[in-house]
C-alpha atoms as a PDB file:
ATOM      1  CA  UNK A   1      48.082 -10.185  12.490  1.00  0.00           C
ATOM      2  CA  UNK A   2      47.442 -12.511  14.948  1.00  0.00           C
ATOM      3  CA  UNK A   3      51.037 -12.712  15.587  1.00  0.00           C
ATOM      4  CA  UNK A   4      51.772  -9.402  16.419  1.00  0.00           C
ATOM      5  CA  UNK A   5      52.213  -7.385  19.526  1.00  0.00           C
ATOM      6  CA  UNK A   6      49.747  -5.029  18.028  1.00  0.00           C
ATOM      7  CA  UNK A   7      47.079  -7.617  17.886  1.00  0.00           C
ATOM      8  CA  UNK A   8      44.416  -7.108  20.482  1.00  0.00           C
ATOM      9  CA  UNK A   9      43.918 -10.794  21.615  1.00  0.00           C
ATOM     10  CA  UNK A  10      41.859 -10.403  24.385  1.00  0.00           C
ATOM     11  CA  UNK A  11      38.882  -8.420  22.693  1.00  0.00           C
ATOM     12  CA  UNK A  12      38.932 -10.934  20.229  1.00  0.00           C
ATOM     13  CA  UNK A  13      38.988 -13.823  22.282  1.00  0.00           C
ATOM     14  CA  UNK A  14      35.103 -13.709  22.639  1.00  0.00           C
ATOM     15  CA  UNK A  15      35.207 -14.038  18.910  1.00  0.00           C
ATOM     16  CA  UNK A  16      36.881 -17.534  18.686  1.00  0.00           C
ATOM     17  CA  UNK A  17      34.501 -18.605  21.559  1.00  0.00           C
ATOM     18  CA  UNK A  18      31.108 -17.579  19.922  1.00  0.00           C
ATOM     19  CA  UNK A  19      32.611 -18.127  16.053  1.00  0.00           C
ATOM     20  CA  UNK A  20      29.481 -20.153  15.239  1.00  0.00           C
ATOM     21  CA  UNK A  21      27.296 -16.975  16.309  1.00  0.00           C
ATOM     22  CA  UNK A  22      29.280 -13.928  14.997  1.00  0.00           C
ATOM     23  CA  UNK A  23      31.984 -15.568  12.378  1.00  0.00           C
ATOM     24  CA  UNK A  24      35.081 -15.580  14.699  1.00  0.00           C
ATOM     25  CA  UNK A  25      38.403 -13.546  14.716  1.00  0.00           C
ATOM     26  CA  UNK A  26      39.523 -11.883  11.594  1.00  0.00           C
ATOM     27  CA  UNK A  27      42.589 -13.323   9.910  1.00  0.00           C
ATOM     28  CA  UNK A  28      44.112 -10.127   9.669  1.00  0.00           C
ATOM     29  CA  UNK A  29      43.592  -6.145  10.023  1.00  0.00           C
ATOM     30  CA  UNK A  30      44.862  -3.457   8.224  1.00  0.00           C
ATOM     31  CA  UNK A  31      45.564  -0.197  10.198  1.00  0.00           C
ATOM     32  CA  UNK A  32      45.967   3.275   9.047  1.00  0.00           C
ATOM     33  CA  UNK A  33      46.910   6.017  12.296  1.00  0.00           C
ATOM     34  CA  UNK A  34      50.044   6.113  14.622  1.00  0.00           C
ATOM     35  CA  UNK A  35      48.897   4.378  18.042  1.00  0.00           C
ATOM     36  CA  UNK A  36      49.169   0.401  18.888  1.00  0.00           C
ATOM     37  CA  UNK A  37      45.439  -1.274  18.256  1.00  0.00           C
ATOM     38  CA  UNK A  38      46.214  -3.621  21.477  1.00  0.00           C
ATOM     39  CA  UNK A  39      46.667  -0.636  23.874  1.00  0.00           C
ATOM     40  CA  UNK A  40      44.008   1.895  22.273  1.00  0.00           C
ATOM     41  CA  UNK A  41      41.192  -0.972  22.976  1.00  0.00           C
ATOM     42  CA  UNK A  42      42.076  -2.091  26.496  1.00  0.00           C
ATOM     43  CA  UNK A  43      39.480   0.510  27.647  1.00  0.00           C
ATOM     44  CA  UNK A  44      37.102   1.208  24.899  1.00  0.00           C
ATOM     45  CA  UNK A  45      33.295   1.379  24.361  1.00  0.00           C
ATOM     46  CA  UNK A  46      31.409   0.656  21.034  1.00  0.00           C
ATOM     47  CA  UNK A  47      28.636   3.719  19.945  1.00  0.00           C
ATOM     48  CA  UNK A  48      26.589   3.040  17.049  1.00  0.00           C
ATOM     49  CA  UNK A  49      23.110   3.796  15.872  1.00  0.00           C
ATOM     50  CA  UNK A  50      20.963   5.108  13.105  1.00  0.00           C
ATOM     51  CA  UNK A  51      22.475   6.518   9.920  1.00  0.00           C
ATOM     52  CA  UNK A  52      19.357   8.710   9.600  1.00  0.00           C
ATOM     53  CA  UNK A  53      19.910   9.864  12.799  1.00  0.00           C
ATOM     54  CA  UNK A  54      17.882  12.640  14.566  1.00  0.00           C
ATOM     55  CA  UNK A  55      19.404  16.175  16.122  1.00  0.00           C
ATOM     56  CA  UNK A  56      18.664  14.421  19.714  1.00  0.00           C
ATOM     57  CA  UNK A  57      20.042  11.226  18.616  1.00  0.00           C
ATOM     58  CA  UNK A  58      23.628  12.808  17.126  1.00  0.00           C
ATOM     59  CA  UNK A  59      23.753  15.065  20.399  1.00  0.00           C
ATOM     60  CA  UNK A  60      23.487  12.376  22.768  1.00  0.00           C
ATOM     61  CA  UNK A  61      25.986  10.240  20.401  1.00  0.00           C
ATOM     62  CA  UNK A  62      28.614  13.093  20.292  1.00  0.00           C
ATOM     63  CA  UNK A  63      28.358  14.536  24.211  1.00  0.00           C
ATOM     64  CA  UNK A  64      28.679  10.729  25.382  1.00  0.00           C
ATOM     65  CA  UNK A  65      31.808   9.992  23.215  1.00  0.00           C
ATOM     66  CA  UNK A  66      33.491  13.376  24.388  1.00  0.00           C
ATOM     67  CA  UNK A  67      32.800  12.584  28.158  1.00  0.00           C
ATOM     68  CA  UNK A  68      34.214   9.108  27.229  1.00  0.00           C
ATOM     69  CA  UNK A  69      37.020  10.555  25.682  1.00  0.00           C
ATOM     70  CA  UNK A  70      37.800  13.054  28.116  1.00  0.00           C
ATOM     71  CA  UNK A  71      37.339   9.502  30.735  1.00  0.00           C
ATOM     72  CA  UNK A  72      40.271   8.246  29.251  1.00  0.00           C
ATOM     73  CA  UNK A  73      37.922   5.554  27.260  1.00  0.00           C
ATOM     74  CA  UNK A  74      38.492   4.709  23.640  1.00  0.00           C
ATOM     75  CA  UNK A  75      35.373   5.362  21.217  1.00  0.00           C
ATOM     76  CA  UNK A  76      34.866   2.176  18.525  1.00  0.00           C
ATOM     77  CA  UNK A  77      32.060   2.964  15.582  1.00  0.00           C
ATOM     78  CA  UNK A  78      31.558   2.441  12.297  1.00  0.00           C
ATOM     79  CA  UNK A  79      32.172   5.978  10.427  1.00  0.00           C
ATOM     80  CA  UNK A  80      29.029   6.115   8.841  1.00  0.00           C
ATOM     81  CA  UNK A  81      26.540   9.301   8.705  1.00  0.00           C
ATOM     82  CA  UNK A  82      24.568   9.686  11.622  1.00  0.00           C
ATOM     83  CA  UNK A  83      25.423   8.523  15.199  1.00  0.00           C
ATOM     84  CA  UNK A  84      28.470   7.003  14.208  1.00  0.00           C
ATOM     85  CA  UNK A  85      29.772  10.499  12.833  1.00  0.00           C
ATOM     86  CA  UNK A  86      28.978  12.133  15.734  1.00  0.00           C
ATOM     87  CA  UNK A  87      30.451   9.846  18.276  1.00  0.00           C
ATOM     88  CA  UNK A  88      33.900  10.004  16.162  1.00  0.00           C
ATOM     89  CA  UNK A  89      33.604  14.084  16.310  1.00  0.00           C
ATOM     90  CA  UNK A  90      32.855  14.108  19.914  1.00  0.00           C
ATOM     91  CA  UNK A  91      35.788  11.825  20.923  1.00  0.00           C
ATOM     92  CA  UNK A  92      37.953  13.821  18.510  1.00  0.00           C
ATOM     93  CA  UNK A  93      36.725  17.160  20.002  1.00  0.00           C
ATOM     94  CA  UNK A  94      37.502  16.236  23.478  1.00  0.00           C
ATOM     95  CA  UNK A  95      41.005  14.842  22.310  1.00  0.00           C
ATOM     96  CA  UNK A  96      41.144  11.358  22.440  1.00  0.00           C
ATOM     97  CA  UNK A  97      41.321   8.470  21.027  1.00  0.00           C
ATOM     98  CA  UNK A  98      38.643   6.892  18.248  1.00  0.00           C
ATOM     99  CA  UNK A  99      38.364   3.672  16.212  1.00  0.00           C
ATOM    100  CA  UNK A 100      36.908   3.619  12.768  1.00  0.00           C
ATOM    101  CA  UNK A 101      36.042   0.299  11.794  1.00  0.00           C
ATOM    102  CA  UNK A 102      35.185   0.497   7.896  1.00  0.00           C
ATOM    103  CA  UNK A 103      33.281  -2.624   5.764  1.00  0.00           C
ATOM    104  CA  UNK A 104      36.134  -1.586   3.029  1.00  0.00           C
ATOM    105  CA  UNK A 105      39.470  -1.300   2.830  1.00  0.00           C
ATOM    106  CA  UNK A 106      41.193   1.528   4.791  1.00  0.00           C
ATOM    107  CA  UNK A 107      42.641   3.207   1.981  1.00  0.00           C
ATOM    108  CA  UNK A 108      38.765   3.991   0.661  1.00  0.00           C
ATOM    109  CA  UNK A 109      36.900   7.126   1.745  1.00  0.00           C
ATOM    110  CA  UNK A 110      33.335   5.743   2.682  1.00  0.00           C
ATOM    111  CA  UNK A 111      31.037   7.446   3.261  1.00  0.00           C
ATOM    112  CA  UNK A 112      32.590  10.006   0.747  1.00  0.00           C
ATOM    113  CA  UNK A 113      31.272  12.816   2.952  1.00  0.00           C
ATOM    114  CA  UNK A 114      33.426  11.761   5.405  1.00  0.00           C
ATOM    115  CA  UNK A 115      36.157  11.585   3.585  1.00  0.00           C
ATOM    116  CA  UNK A 116      37.952  14.515   6.322  1.00  0.00           C
ATOM    117  CA  UNK A 117      36.414  12.989   9.400  1.00  0.00           C
ATOM    118  CA  UNK A 118      38.125   9.586   8.425  1.00  0.00           C
ATOM    119  CA  UNK A 119      41.569  11.395   7.671  1.00  0.00           C
ATOM    120  CA  UNK A 120      41.540  13.303  10.938  1.00  0.00           C
ATOM    121  CA  UNK A 121      40.625   9.818  12.407  1.00  0.00           C
ATOM    122  CA  UNK A 122      43.754   8.378  10.571  1.00  0.00           C
ATOM    123  CA  UNK A 123      45.815  10.997  11.945  1.00  0.00           C
ATOM    124  CA  UNK A 124      44.997  11.235  15.728  1.00  0.00           C
ATOM    125  CA  UNK A 125      42.755   7.789  15.949  1.00  0.00           C
ATOM    126  CA  UNK A 126      42.981   4.351  13.989  1.00  0.00           C
ATOM    127  CA  UNK A 127      40.806   3.567  11.023  1.00  0.00           C
ATOM    128  CA  UNK A 128      40.755  -0.348  11.023  1.00  0.00           C
ATOM    129  CA  UNK A 129      39.323  -2.731   8.382  1.00  0.00           C
ATOM    130  CA  UNK A 130      39.922  -6.673   8.015  1.00  0.00           C
ATOM    131  CA  UNK A 131      39.673  -6.118   4.317  1.00  0.00           C
ATOM    132  CA  UNK A 132      42.741  -5.382   2.152  1.00  0.00           C
ATOM    133  CA  UNK A 133      43.122  -2.025   0.623  1.00  0.00           C
ATOM    134  CA  UNK A 134      41.044  -1.883  -2.683  1.00  0.00           C
ATOM    135  CA  UNK A 135      38.102  -3.527  -1.615  1.00  0.00           C
ATOM    136  CA  UNK A 136      35.255  -1.361  -1.973  1.00  0.00           C
ATOM    137  CA  UNK A 137      31.812  -1.231   0.432  1.00  0.00           C
ATOM    138  CA  UNK A 138      29.353  -4.027  -0.332  1.00  0.00           C
ATOM    139  CA  UNK A 139      26.108  -4.755   2.046  1.00  0.00           C
ATOM    140  CA  UNK A 140      27.227  -7.769   3.401  1.00  0.00           C
ATOM    141  CA  UNK A 141      30.584  -6.579   4.492  1.00  0.00           C
ATOM    142  CA  UNK A 142      28.682  -3.836   6.596  1.00  0.00           C
ATOM    143  CA  UNK A 143      27.408  -6.850   8.607  1.00  0.00           C
ATOM    144  CA  UNK A 144      30.341  -8.922   9.078  1.00  0.00           C
ATOM    145  CA  UNK A 145      32.811  -6.136  10.201  1.00  0.00           C
ATOM    146  CA  UNK A 146      30.006  -5.097  13.074  1.00  0.00           C
ATOM    147  CA  UNK A 147      31.531  -8.143  15.246  1.00  0.00           C
ATOM    148  CA  UNK A 148      35.095  -6.371  14.871  1.00  0.00           C
ATOM    149  CA  UNK A 149      32.984  -2.850  16.329  1.00  0.00           C
ATOM    150  CA  UNK A 150      31.661  -5.126  19.105  1.00  0.00           C
ATOM    151  CA  UNK A 151      34.027  -6.896  19.606  1.00  0.00           C
ATOM    152  CA  UNK A 152      36.653  -3.818  19.976  1.00  0.00           C
ATOM    153  CA  UNK A 153      34.487  -2.296  22.482  1.00  0.00           C
ATOM    154  CA  UNK A 154      34.243  -3.298  26.249  1.00  0.00           C
ATOM    155  CA  UNK A 155      30.626  -2.777  25.703  1.00  0.00           C
ATOM    156  CA  UNK A 156      28.040  -1.393  23.116  1.00  0.00           C
ATOM    157  CA  UNK A 157      25.873   1.946  23.492  1.00  0.00           C
ATOM    158  CA  UNK A 158      22.925   1.907  20.919  1.00  0.00           C
ATOM    159  CA  UNK A 159      21.950   5.686  20.438  1.00  0.00           C
ATOM    160  CA  UNK A 160      19.178   5.290  17.895  1.00  0.00           C
ATOM    161  CA  UNK A 161      17.888   2.426  16.208  1.00  0.00           C
ATOM    162  CA  UNK A 162      15.061   1.422  14.263  1.00  0.00           C
ATOM    163  CA  UNK A 163      13.289  -1.735  14.317  1.00  0.00           C
ATOM    164  CA  UNK A 164      15.611  -3.073  11.710  1.00  0.00           C
ATOM    165  CA  UNK A 165      18.359  -1.135  12.287  1.00  0.00           C
ATOM    166  CA  UNK A 166      22.162  -2.411  11.334  1.00  0.00           C
ATOM    167  CA  UNK A 167      23.060  -1.175  15.043  1.00  0.00           C
ATOM    168  CA  UNK A 168      20.580  -4.042  16.879  1.00  0.00           C
ATOM    169  CA  UNK A 169      22.948  -6.615  14.310  1.00  0.00           C
ATOM    170  CA  UNK A 170      25.810  -4.804  16.708  1.00  0.00           C
ATOM    171  CA  UNK A 171      23.563  -5.333  19.720  1.00  0.00           C
ATOM    172  CA  UNK A 172      22.885  -9.119  18.757  1.00  0.00           C
ATOM    173  CA  UNK A 173      26.651  -9.864  18.692  1.00  0.00           C
ATOM    174  CA  UNK A 174      27.474  -7.855  21.682  1.00  0.00           C
ATOM    175  CA  UNK A 175      24.896 -10.120  23.819  1.00  0.00           C
ATOM    176  CA  UNK A 176      26.475 -13.461  21.669  1.00  0.00           C
ATOM    177  CA  UNK A 177      29.832 -11.688  23.039  1.00  0.00           C
ATOM    178  CA  UNK A 178      29.069 -11.847  26.985  1.00  0.00           C
ATOM    179  CA  UNK A 179      29.315  -8.230  26.800  1.00  0.00           C
ATOM    180  CA  UNK A 180      27.260  -5.254  28.199  1.00  0.00           C
ATOM    181  CA  UNK A 181      24.875  -3.811  26.376  1.00  0.00           C
ATOM    182  CA  UNK A 182      23.705  -0.694  26.456  1.00  0.00           C
ATOM    183  CA  UNK A 183      20.647   1.773  24.665  1.00  0.00           C
ATOM    184  CA  UNK A 184      19.954   5.569  25.109  1.00  0.00           C
ATOM    185  CA  UNK A 185      15.651   5.654  25.848  1.00  0.00           C
ATOM    186  CA  UNK A 186      14.311   8.115  23.123  1.00  0.00           C
ATOM    187  CA  UNK A 187      10.576   9.606  22.859  1.00  0.00           C
ATOM    188  CA  UNK A 188       7.787   6.600  22.361  1.00  0.00           C
ATOM    189  CA  UNK A 189       6.901   8.444  19.303  1.00  0.00           C
ATOM    190  CA  UNK A 190      10.231   8.442  17.511  1.00  0.00           C
ATOM    191  CA  UNK A 191      10.704   5.342  14.808  1.00  0.00           C
ATOM    192  CA  UNK A 192      14.688   5.944  15.263  1.00  0.00           C
ATOM    193  CA  UNK A 193      14.349   4.893  18.792  1.00  0.00           C
ATOM    194  CA  UNK A 194      11.916   1.960  18.382  1.00  0.00           C
ATOM    195  CA  UNK A 195      14.710  -0.485  18.222  1.00  0.00           C
ATOM    196  CA  UNK A 196      16.491   0.645  21.610  1.00  0.00           C
ATOM    197  CA  UNK A 197      12.897   0.438  23.105  1.00  0.00           C
ATOM    198  CA  UNK A 198      12.629  -3.036  22.233  1.00  0.00           C
ATOM    199  CA  UNK A 199      15.607  -4.222  23.411  1.00  0.00           C
ATOM    200  CA  UNK A 200      14.607  -2.699  26.625  1.00  0.00           C
ATOM    201  CA  UNK A 201      11.470  -4.055  26.612  1.00  0.00           C
ATOM    202  CA  UNK A 202      12.653  -7.631  26.154  1.00  0.00           C
ATOM    203  CA  UNK A 203      15.008  -7.383  28.802  1.00  0.00           C
ATOM    204  CA  UNK A 204      18.508  -7.316  26.828  1.00  0.00           C
ATOM    205  CA  UNK A 205      19.769  -3.960  27.480  1.00  0.00           C
ATOM    206  CA  UNK A 206      20.160  -1.506  30.225  1.00  0.00           C
ATOM    207  CA  UNK A 207      18.816   1.867  30.066  1.00  0.00           C
ATOM    208  CA  UNK A 208      21.774   4.521  29.954  1.00  0.00           C
ATOM    209  CA  UNK A 209      21.723   8.276  30.532  1.00  0.00           C
ATOM    210  CA  UNK A 210      24.970   9.713  31.560  1.00  0.00           C
ATOM    211  CA  UNK A 211      28.602   9.189  30.709  1.00  0.00           C
ATOM    212  CA  UNK A 212      29.426   7.926  34.358  1.00  0.00           C
ATOM    213  CA  UNK A 213      26.810   4.956  33.950  1.00  0.00           C
ATOM    214  CA  UNK A 214      28.482   3.699  30.568  1.00  0.00           C
ATOM    215  CA  UNK A 215      31.865   4.156  32.330  1.00  0.00           C
ATOM    216  CA  UNK A 216      30.416   2.047  35.276  1.00  0.00           C
ATOM    217  CA  UNK A 217      28.824  -0.530  33.118  1.00  0.00           C
ATOM    218  CA  UNK A 218      32.120  -1.501  31.444  1.00  0.00           C
ATOM    219  CA  UNK A 219      34.541  -0.506  34.146  1.00  0.00           C
ATOM    220  CA  UNK A 220      36.573  -3.175  36.093  1.00  0.00           C
ATOM    221  CA  UNK A 221      35.177  -4.571  39.076  1.00  0.00           C
ATOM    222  CA  UNK A 222      35.586  -2.062  42.423  1.00  0.00           C
ATOM    223  CA  UNK A 223      36.568   0.797  39.683  1.00  0.00           C
ATOM    224  CA  UNK A 224      34.773   3.379  37.757  1.00  0.00           C
ATOM    225  CA  UNK A 225      31.502   3.322  39.813  1.00  0.00           C
ATOM    226  CA  UNK A 226      29.171   5.900  38.942  1.00  0.00           C
ATOM    227  CA  UNK A 227      28.297   8.048  41.990  1.00  0.00           C
ATOM    228  CA  UNK A 228      25.227   8.945  43.357  1.00  0.00           C
ATOM    229  CA  UNK A 229      24.146  12.513  42.771  1.00  0.00           C
ATOM    230  CA  UNK A 230      24.364  14.697  45.704  1.00  0.00           C
ATOM    231  CA  UNK A 231      20.830  15.571  47.687  1.00  0.00           C
ATOM    232  CA  UNK A 232      19.981  18.972  47.043  1.00  0.00           C
ATOM    233  CA  UNK A 233      19.818  20.944  50.154  1.00  0.00           C
ATOM    234  CA  UNK A 234      15.942  22.822  50.434  1.00  0.00           C
ATOM    235  CA  UNK A 235      15.771  26.121  50.001  1.00  0.00           C
ATOM    236  CA  UNK A 236      13.435  26.884  52.635  1.00  0.00           C
ATOM    237  CA  UNK A 237      15.969  26.464  55.421  1.00  0.00           C
ATOM    238  CA  UNK A 238      14.811  26.850  59.010  1.00  0.00           C
ATOM    239  CA  UNK A 239      11.028  27.819  58.803  1.00  0.00           C
ATOM    240  CA  UNK A 240      10.107  31.651  59.406  1.00  0.00           C
ATOM    241  CA  UNK A 241       7.070  33.798  59.083  1.00  0.00           C
ATOM    242  CA  UNK A 242       3.900  31.827  57.493  1.00  0.00           C
ATOM    243  CA  UNK A 243       6.075  28.573  57.164  1.00  0.00           C
ATOM    244  CA  UNK A 244       6.816  28.363  60.957  1.00  0.00           C
ATOM    245  CA  UNK A 245       3.116  29.203  61.694  1.00  0.00           C
ATOM    246  CA  UNK A 246       2.284  26.074  59.479  1.00  0.00           C
ATOM    247  CA  UNK A 247       4.742  23.993  61.029  1.00  0.00           C
ATOM    248  CA  UNK A 248       3.923  24.755  64.788  1.00  0.00           C
ATOM    249  CA  UNK A 249      -0.336  23.705  63.591  1.00  0.00           C
ATOM    250  CA  UNK A 250       1.127  20.501  62.459  1.00  0.00           C
ATOM    251  CA  UNK A 251       0.201  17.379  64.706  1.00  0.00           C
ATOM    252  CA  UNK A 252       2.934  15.626  66.514  1.00  0.00           C
ATOM    253  CA  UNK A 253       1.555  12.517  67.049  1.00  0.00           C
ATOM    254  CA  UNK A 254      -1.501  12.315  64.220  1.00  0.00           C
ATOM    255  CA  UNK A 255      -1.908  13.887  60.697  1.00  0.00           C
ATOM    256  CA  UNK A 256      -3.962  17.154  60.607  1.00  0.00           C
ATOM    257  CA  UNK A 257      -5.810  18.416  57.460  1.00  0.00           C
ATOM    258  CA  UNK A 258      -4.454  21.124  55.104  1.00  0.00           C
ATOM    259  CA  UNK A 259      -7.905  22.757  56.173  1.00  0.00           C
ATOM    260  CA  UNK A 260      -7.297  22.495  59.841  1.00  0.00           C
ATOM    261  CA  UNK A 261      -3.493  23.436  59.514  1.00  0.00           C
ATOM    262  CA  UNK A 262      -5.131  26.926  57.554  1.00  0.00           C
ATOM    263  CA  UNK A 263      -7.662  27.259  60.834  1.00  0.00           C
ATOM    264  CA  UNK A 264      -4.713  26.912  63.406  1.00  0.00           C
ATOM    265  CA  UNK A 265      -2.073  28.871  61.945  1.00  0.00           C
ATOM    266  CA  UNK A 266      -4.201  32.107  60.872  1.00  0.00           C
ATOM    267  CA  UNK A 267      -2.713  31.441  56.936  1.00  0.00           C
ATOM    268  CA  UNK A 268      -4.864  31.484  53.775  1.00  0.00           C
ATOM    269  CA  UNK A 269      -5.427  27.557  52.426  1.00  0.00           C
ATOM    270  CA  UNK A 270      -4.059  27.943  49.702  1.00  0.00           C
ATOM    271  CA  UNK A 271      -0.728  29.286  51.003  1.00  0.00           C
ATOM    272  CA  UNK A 272      -0.839  26.310  53.175  1.00  0.00           C
ATOM    273  CA  UNK A 273      -0.795  24.225  50.420  1.00  0.00           C
ATOM    274  CA  UNK A 274       2.267  25.529  48.912  1.00  0.00           C
ATOM    275  CA  UNK A 275       4.166  25.573  52.044  1.00  0.00           C
ATOM    276  CA  UNK A 276       3.365  21.880  53.091  1.00  0.00           C
ATOM    277  CA  UNK A 277       5.347  20.151  50.579  1.00  0.00           C
ATOM    278  CA  UNK A 278       8.391  22.459  50.957  1.00  0.00           C
ATOM    279  CA  UNK A 279       8.113  21.387  54.619  1.00  0.00           C
ATOM    280  CA  UNK A 280       7.975  17.698  53.443  1.00  0.00           C
ATOM    281  CA  UNK A 281      11.195  18.802  51.325  1.00  0.00           C
ATOM    282  CA  UNK A 282      12.903  19.958  54.601  1.00  0.00           C
ATOM    283  CA  UNK A 283      12.254  16.923  56.504  1.00  0.00           C
ATOM    284  CA  UNK A 284       9.792  18.950  58.662  1.00  0.00           C
ATOM    285  CA  UNK A 285       6.779  17.456  57.935  1.00  0.00           C
ATOM    286  CA  UNK A 286       5.498  14.037  56.893  1.00  0.00           C
ATOM    287  CA  UNK A 287       2.166  13.255  54.383  1.00  0.00           C
ATOM    288  CA  UNK A 288       0.133  10.607  56.401  1.00  0.00           C
ATOM    289  CA  UNK A 289      -3.194   9.313  56.158  1.00  0.00           C
ATOM    290  CA  UNK A 290      -4.877  11.737  58.140  1.00  0.00           C
ATOM    291  CA  UNK A 291      -3.090  14.570  56.300  1.00  0.00           C
ATOM    292  CA  UNK A 292       0.172  16.206  57.637  1.00  0.00           C
ATOM    293  CA  UNK A 293       2.350  15.388  60.967  1.00  0.00           C
ATOM    294  CA  UNK A 294       5.132  17.418  62.075  1.00  0.00           C
ATOM    295  CA  UNK A 295       8.355  16.296  62.103  1.00  0.00           C
ATOM    296  CA  UNK A 296      11.098  17.409  65.056  1.00  0.00           C
ATOM    297  CA  UNK A 297      14.123  18.910  64.415  1.00  0.00           C
ATOM    298  CA  UNK A 298      17.094  16.392  65.568  1.00  0.00           C
END
């Protein structure tokens, strides 16, 4: 109940503000599990997507959930087949916390194929519903429960979604709540990712390709910043042999063509054309309008 200490007050504040668009706060929640719902959702991300997920989608959802759990982030989802199930399993596999929000009573295992998964979530995470025990699933209840998934997450990641996917409903609620909306791009030919691409094209979501990017999007200001990948040092090292001859043949003040470099260095033209990009990567050569120019080693 809202007056209880375990009630997730802060996540649900936005639901109250956006009540006309989202349906408002639940009147009560039924919870199965050993944890405090308010505490475990202090740092949480919703991971949602298609029930008819591809192998790619399930792999990404599982990997992201595993990494989020390792980073101390609770994974919130809806216990459905496909992306939801993969996300829950990924978080559990990392020994982390996951919350399953149901469209039925917490005593009802739905879908039936996830009976074992829901039992494990109830032991190690939390199973949550605004519907009292004994209530069975109904289509309208899935859309209604999506607002709770979006509210409990500090942001939402849509891994795969068709143009008419229920995950797009969760995405719309996430935006209405003012939370970060992230999507995982997929193959341009995949109908399962068409909804994700639509959200990107309309500028409603940002693309994410790593756990670090997700954590940065939902993290507190100044914390959890994604680091830039370290630049790989060139394997070329100091030029020698043919590379040294090509380097010495480059112009200091203006660019020279591949052909001129070949003549000046005595290195075959095809070999010159293979070495010049390597010298560029090593910051020893620069491609200019007239061809290639030498960069002096500092």
